[in-house]
Amino acid sequence: MSNEHGNLIKNPKQLIIMVFASFFVPLIIILLLMVFVNNGKRGDSSETSEQLIKPVGQLNFKDASAPREPQTGEQVYKAVCASCHVSGAAGAPKFGDTGAWTARLGKGYDGLLTSVLKGKGAMPARGGASPADVSDYELGRAVVYLANSAGGKLAEPKAPAPAK
């Protein structure tokens, strides 16, 4: 027989070298691939680890017996109305868009407040806010803030009399 295709490993030293090479060569290749994939993702990012692990939501406990300060029109707008009126979602007139608000301003303050309280089109009643969180007076202030941003001249509603 011909010994043309003989064994590559002829002695124990070559066997040990092949065992180590078959273990470490793939390990080194995997390590280099990991470094290549992660290259550029560290150091360039402006997010710190504190920002990455911050909680998604926070609980805000309120004292139910404490006197309640009414929110300004801007505060209510940012909390309730901005989600639709900034982008114009579902046909909502955008904040400050005079053309979109012209016809609506013709209704006056009472007409706009009625639309907010009862809902209109895709807008839910009270803009989706709970009466426990946002009063009618605060919604009125938001109506004035939003309408005046588009050139309206609505007067700020009068504060309700304090409950006795």
C-alpha atoms as a PDB file:
ATOM      1  CA  MET A   1       0.000   0.000   0.000  1.00  0.00           C
ATOM      2  CA  SER A   2       0.960   3.453  -0.644  1.00  0.00           C
ATOM      3  CA  ASN A   3       1.507   5.763   2.312  1.00  0.00           C
ATOM      4  CA  GLU A   4       0.569   8.714   0.191  1.00  0.00           C
ATOM      5  CA  HIS A   5      -2.174   9.966   2.511  1.00  0.00           C
ATOM      6  CA  GLY A   6      -0.475   9.407   5.822  1.00  0.00           C
ATOM      7  CA  ASN A   7      -1.257  10.922   9.214  1.00  0.00           C
ATOM      8  CA  LEU A   8      -0.460  14.595   9.692  1.00  0.00           C
ATOM      9  CA  ILE A   9       0.297  14.101  13.377  1.00  0.00           C
ATOM     10  CA  LYS A  10       3.432  12.031  13.743  1.00  0.00           C
ATOM     11  CA  ASN A  11       4.335  12.532  17.427  1.00  0.00           C
ATOM     12  CA  PRO A  12       2.781  13.619  20.790  1.00  0.00           C
ATOM     13  CA  LYS A  13       4.215  17.141  20.504  1.00  0.00           C
ATOM     14  CA  GLN A  14       2.285  17.749  17.273  1.00  0.00           C
ATOM     15  CA  LEU A  15      -0.866  16.300  18.917  1.00  0.00           C
ATOM     16  CA  ILE A  16      -0.634  18.788  21.819  1.00  0.00           C
ATOM     17  CA  ILE A  17      -0.100  21.691  19.404  1.00  0.00           C
ATOM     18  CA  MET A  18      -3.138  20.683  17.327  1.00  0.00           C
ATOM     19  CA  VAL A  19      -5.369  20.353  20.432  1.00  0.00           C
ATOM     20  CA  PHE A  20      -4.396  23.826  21.661  1.00  0.00           C
ATOM     21  CA  ALA A  21      -4.756  25.333  18.180  1.00  0.00           C
ATOM     22  CA  SER A  22      -8.195  23.791  17.652  1.00  0.00           C
ATOM     23  CA  PHE A  23      -9.330  25.347  20.964  1.00  0.00           C
ATOM     24  CA  PHE A  24      -7.658  28.757  20.890  1.00  0.00           C
ATOM     25  CA  VAL A  25      -7.950  29.716  17.206  1.00  0.00           C
ATOM     26  CA  PRO A  26     -11.802  29.731  17.216  1.00  0.00           C
ATOM     27  CA  LEU A  27     -11.732  31.480  20.604  1.00  0.00           C
ATOM     28  CA  ILE A  28      -9.510  34.254  19.219  1.00  0.00           C
ATOM     29  CA  ILE A  29     -11.707  34.596  16.116  1.00  0.00           C
ATOM     30  CA  ILE A  30     -14.841  34.966  18.274  1.00  0.00           C
ATOM     31  CA  LEU A  31     -13.104  37.545  20.465  1.00  0.00           C
ATOM     32  CA  LEU A  32     -12.019  39.581  17.435  1.00  0.00           C
ATOM     33  CA  LEU A  33     -15.554  39.479  16.027  1.00  0.00           C
ATOM     34  CA  MET A  34     -16.936  40.742  19.351  1.00  0.00           C
ATOM     35  CA  VAL A  35     -14.463  43.627  19.358  1.00  0.00           C
ATOM     36  CA  PHE A  36     -15.328  44.454  15.753  1.00  0.00           C
ATOM     37  CA  VAL A  37     -19.096  44.460  16.400  1.00  0.00           C
ATOM     38  CA  ASN A  38     -18.824  46.575  19.562  1.00  0.00           C
ATOM     39  CA  ASN A  39     -16.319  49.000  18.077  1.00  0.00           C
ATOM     40  CA  GLY A  40     -17.796  52.479  17.946  1.00  0.00           C
ATOM     41  CA  LYS A  41     -20.620  51.764  20.391  1.00  0.00           C
ATOM     42  CA  ARG A  42     -18.579  52.757  23.404  1.00  0.00           C
ATOM     43  CA  GLY A  43     -17.377  56.243  24.170  1.00  0.00           C
ATOM     44  CA  ASP A  44     -19.219  57.922  21.280  1.00  0.00           C
ATOM     45  CA  SER A  45     -22.613  57.525  22.951  1.00  0.00           C
ATOM     46  CA  SER A  46     -23.889  60.571  24.813  1.00  0.00           C
ATOM     47  CA  GLU A  47     -26.030  58.385  27.066  1.00  0.00           C
ATOM     48  CA  THR A  48     -24.525  57.618  30.409  1.00  0.00           C
ATOM     49  CA  SER A  49     -25.230  54.483  32.360  1.00  0.00           C
ATOM     50  CA  GLU A  50     -27.475  56.535  34.666  1.00  0.00           C
ATOM     51  CA  GLN A  51     -29.675  57.479  31.723  1.00  0.00           C
ATOM     52  CA  LEU A  52     -29.776  53.919  30.442  1.00  0.00           C
ATOM     53  CA  ILE A  53     -30.961  52.417  33.731  1.00  0.00           C
ATOM     54  CA  LYS A  54     -33.337  55.157  34.881  1.00  0.00           C
ATOM     55  CA  PRO A  55     -36.890  54.013  35.614  1.00  0.00           C
ATOM     56  CA  VAL A  56     -39.484  54.342  32.886  1.00  0.00           C
ATOM     57  CA  GLY A  57     -42.219  55.635  35.159  1.00  0.00           C
ATOM     58  CA  GLN A  58     -42.356  57.217  38.554  1.00  0.00           C
ATOM     59  CA  LEU A  59     -45.068  57.272  41.171  1.00  0.00           C
ATOM     60  CA  ASN A  60     -46.182  60.696  42.312  1.00  0.00           C
ATOM     61  CA  PHE A  61     -48.080  60.509  45.583  1.00  0.00           C
ATOM     62  CA  LYS A  62     -50.278  63.486  46.413  1.00  0.00           C
ATOM     63  CA  ASP A  63     -51.849  64.457  49.682  1.00  0.00           C
ATOM     64  CA  ALA A  64     -55.585  64.307  48.990  1.00  0.00           C
ATOM     65  CA  SER A  65     -56.365  66.645  51.871  1.00  0.00           C
ATOM     66  CA  ALA A  66     -53.889  69.325  50.784  1.00  0.00           C
ATOM     67  CA  PRO A  67     -55.269  72.463  49.130  1.00  0.00           C
ATOM     68  CA  ARG A  68     -55.083  72.187  45.360  1.00  0.00           C
ATOM     69  CA  GLU A  69     -53.374  74.891  43.315  1.00  0.00           C
ATOM     70  CA  PRO A  70     -55.029  75.357  39.917  1.00  0.00           C
ATOM     71  CA  GLN A  71     -52.761  74.669  36.967  1.00  0.00           C
ATOM     72  CA  THR A  72     -52.022  77.339  34.392  1.00  0.00           C
ATOM     73  CA  GLY A  73     -53.302  77.022  30.846  1.00  0.00           C
ATOM     74  CA  GLU A  74     -49.804  76.196  29.633  1.00  0.00           C
ATOM     75  CA  GLN A  75     -49.392  73.414  32.203  1.00  0.00           C
ATOM     76  CA  VAL A  76     -52.708  71.822  31.250  1.00  0.00           C
ATOM     77  CA  TYR A  77     -51.898  72.201  27.544  1.00  0.00           C
ATOM     78  CA  LYS A  78     -48.560  70.416  27.991  1.00  0.00           C
ATOM     79  CA  ALA A  79     -50.075  67.649  30.141  1.00  0.00           C
ATOM     80  CA  VAL A  80     -53.321  66.987  28.245  1.00  0.00           C
ATOM     81  CA  CYS A  81     -53.524  68.741  24.876  1.00  0.00           C
ATOM     82  CA  ALA A  82     -49.996  68.792  23.445  1.00  0.00           C
ATOM     83  CA  SER A  83     -49.967  65.133  22.423  1.00  0.00           C
ATOM     84  CA  CYS A  84     -52.371  65.915  19.567  1.00  0.00           C
ATOM     85  CA  HIS A  85     -52.161  69.674  19.042  1.00  0.00           C
ATOM     86  CA  VAL A  86     -48.378  69.766  18.522  1.00  0.00           C
ATOM     87  CA  SER A  87     -48.411  67.310  15.623  1.00  0.00           C
ATOM     88  CA  GLY A  88     -51.960  67.838  14.364  1.00  0.00           C
ATOM     89  CA  ALA A  89     -52.856  64.198  15.023  1.00  0.00           C
ATOM     90  CA  ALA A  90     -56.359  63.095  13.979  1.00  0.00           C
ATOM     91  CA  GLY A  91     -57.117  66.508  12.460  1.00  0.00           C
ATOM     92  CA  ALA A  92     -56.429  68.531  15.607  1.00  0.00           C
ATOM     93  CA  PRO A  93     -55.513  72.137  14.799  1.00  0.00           C
ATOM     94  CA  LYS A  94     -51.838  72.723  15.532  1.00  0.00           C
ATOM     95  CA  PHE A  95     -50.621  75.039  18.254  1.00  0.00           C
ATOM     96  CA  GLY A  96     -50.144  78.532  16.829  1.00  0.00           C
ATOM     97  CA  ASP A  97     -51.633  77.707  13.391  1.00  0.00           C
ATOM     98  CA  THR A  98     -53.731  80.803  12.712  1.00  0.00           C
ATOM     99  CA  GLY A  99     -55.363  79.389   9.577  1.00  0.00           C
ATOM    100  CA  ALA A 100     -56.611  76.261  11.318  1.00  0.00           C
ATOM    101  CA  TRP A 101     -57.949  78.190  14.316  1.00  0.00           C
ATOM    102  CA  THR A 102     -59.718  81.063  12.497  1.00  0.00           C
ATOM    103  CA  ALA A 103     -63.078  79.286  12.057  1.00  0.00           C
ATOM    104  CA  ARG A 104     -62.896  77.786  15.542  1.00  0.00           C
ATOM    105  CA  LEU A 105     -62.196  81.152  17.175  1.00  0.00           C
ATOM    106  CA  GLY A 106     -65.512  82.380  15.736  1.00  0.00           C
ATOM    107  CA  LYS A 107     -67.317  80.118  18.218  1.00  0.00           C
ATOM    108  CA  GLY A 108     -65.941  82.156  21.097  1.00  0.00           C
ATOM    109  CA  TYR A 109     -64.752  80.954  24.474  1.00  0.00           C
ATOM    110  CA  ASP A 110     -68.001  79.210  25.446  1.00  0.00           C
ATOM    111  CA  GLY A 111     -68.193  77.263  22.185  1.00  0.00           C
ATOM    112  CA  LEU A 112     -64.579  76.131  22.411  1.00  0.00           C
ATOM    113  CA  LEU A 113     -64.942  75.122  26.068  1.00  0.00           C
ATOM    114  CA  THR A 114     -68.096  73.134  25.251  1.00  0.00           C
ATOM    115  CA  SER A 115     -66.195  71.289  22.500  1.00  0.00           C
ATOM    116  CA  VAL A 116     -63.433  70.436  24.982  1.00  0.00           C
ATOM    117  CA  LEU A 117     -65.792  69.322  27.752  1.00  0.00           C
ATOM    118  CA  LYS A 118     -68.048  67.176  25.523  1.00  0.00           C
ATOM    119  CA  GLY A 119     -65.464  66.120  22.951  1.00  0.00           C
ATOM    120  CA  LYS A 120     -65.441  66.753  19.230  1.00  0.00           C
ATOM    121  CA  GLY A 121     -64.393  64.542  16.341  1.00  0.00           C
ATOM    122  CA  ALA A 122     -61.486  62.355  17.452  1.00  0.00           C
ATOM    123  CA  MET A 123     -60.945  64.395  20.635  1.00  0.00           C
ATOM    124  CA  PRO A 124     -62.410  62.644  23.670  1.00  0.00           C
ATOM    125  CA  ALA A 125     -64.410  64.530  26.281  1.00  0.00           C
ATOM    126  CA  ARG A 126     -62.175  66.694  28.469  1.00  0.00           C
ATOM    127  CA  GLY A 127     -59.291  65.867  26.143  1.00  0.00           C
ATOM    128  CA  GLY A 128     -59.092  62.489  27.856  1.00  0.00           C
ATOM    129  CA  ALA A 129     -58.325  63.998  31.274  1.00  0.00           C
ATOM    130  CA  SER A 130     -60.078  62.905  34.436  1.00  0.00           C
ATOM    131  CA  PRO A 131     -62.218  65.485  36.272  1.00  0.00           C
ATOM    132  CA  ALA A 132     -60.298  64.581  39.425  1.00  0.00           C
ATOM    133  CA  ASP A 133     -57.029  65.643  37.787  1.00  0.00           C
ATOM    134  CA  VAL A 134     -58.084  68.660  35.696  1.00  0.00           C
ATOM    135  CA  SER A 135     -61.020  70.914  36.577  1.00  0.00           C
ATOM    136  CA  ASP A 136     -63.295  72.703  34.109  1.00  0.00           C
ATOM    137  CA  TYR A 137     -61.637  75.983  35.111  1.00  0.00           C
ATOM    138  CA  GLU A 138     -58.182  74.595  34.263  1.00  0.00           C
ATOM    139  CA  LEU A 139     -59.460  73.274  30.924  1.00  0.00           C
ATOM    140  CA  GLY A 140     -60.848  76.757  30.255  1.00  0.00           C
ATOM    141  CA  ARG A 141     -57.427  78.234  30.922  1.00  0.00           C
ATOM    142  CA  ALA A 142     -55.921  75.734  28.463  1.00  0.00           C
ATOM    143  CA  VAL A 143     -58.528  76.714  25.843  1.00  0.00           C
ATOM    144  CA  VAL A 144     -57.562  80.375  26.248  1.00  0.00           C
ATOM    145  CA  TYR A 145     -53.844  79.552  26.064  1.00  0.00           C
ATOM    146  CA  LEU A 146     -54.277  77.433  22.919  1.00  0.00           C
ATOM    147  CA  ALA A 147     -56.634  79.869  21.171  1.00  0.00           C
ATOM    148  CA  ASN A 148     -54.516  82.918  21.981  1.00  0.00           C
ATOM    149  CA  SER A 149     -51.442  81.193  20.547  1.00  0.00           C
ATOM    150  CA  ALA A 150     -53.175  81.335  17.169  1.00  0.00           C
ATOM    151  CA  GLY A 151     -54.090  85.013  17.363  1.00  0.00           C
ATOM    152  CA  GLY A 152     -57.244  84.835  19.492  1.00  0.00           C
ATOM    153  CA  LYS A 153     -57.981  87.548  22.017  1.00  0.00           C
ATOM    154  CA  LEU A 154     -59.815  85.472  24.621  1.00  0.00           C
ATOM    155  CA  ALA A 155     -59.783  86.666  28.213  1.00  0.00           C
ATOM    156  CA  GLU A 156     -58.616  84.394  31.032  1.00  0.00           C
ATOM    157  CA  PRO A 157     -61.631  82.784  32.767  1.00  0.00           C
ATOM    158  CA  LYS A 158     -62.442  83.865  36.302  1.00  0.00           C
ATOM    159  CA  ALA A 159     -61.375  81.542  39.087  1.00  0.00           C
ATOM    160  CA  PRO A 160     -64.211  79.641  40.767  1.00  0.00           C
ATOM    161  CA  ALA A 161     -65.126  80.600  44.295  1.00  0.00           C
ATOM    162  CA  PRO A 162     -63.263  78.511  46.871  1.00  0.00           C
ATOM    163  CA  ALA A 163     -65.275  75.686  48.417  1.00  0.00           C
ATOM    164  CA  LYS A 164     -66.239  76.193  52.044  1.00  0.00           C
END
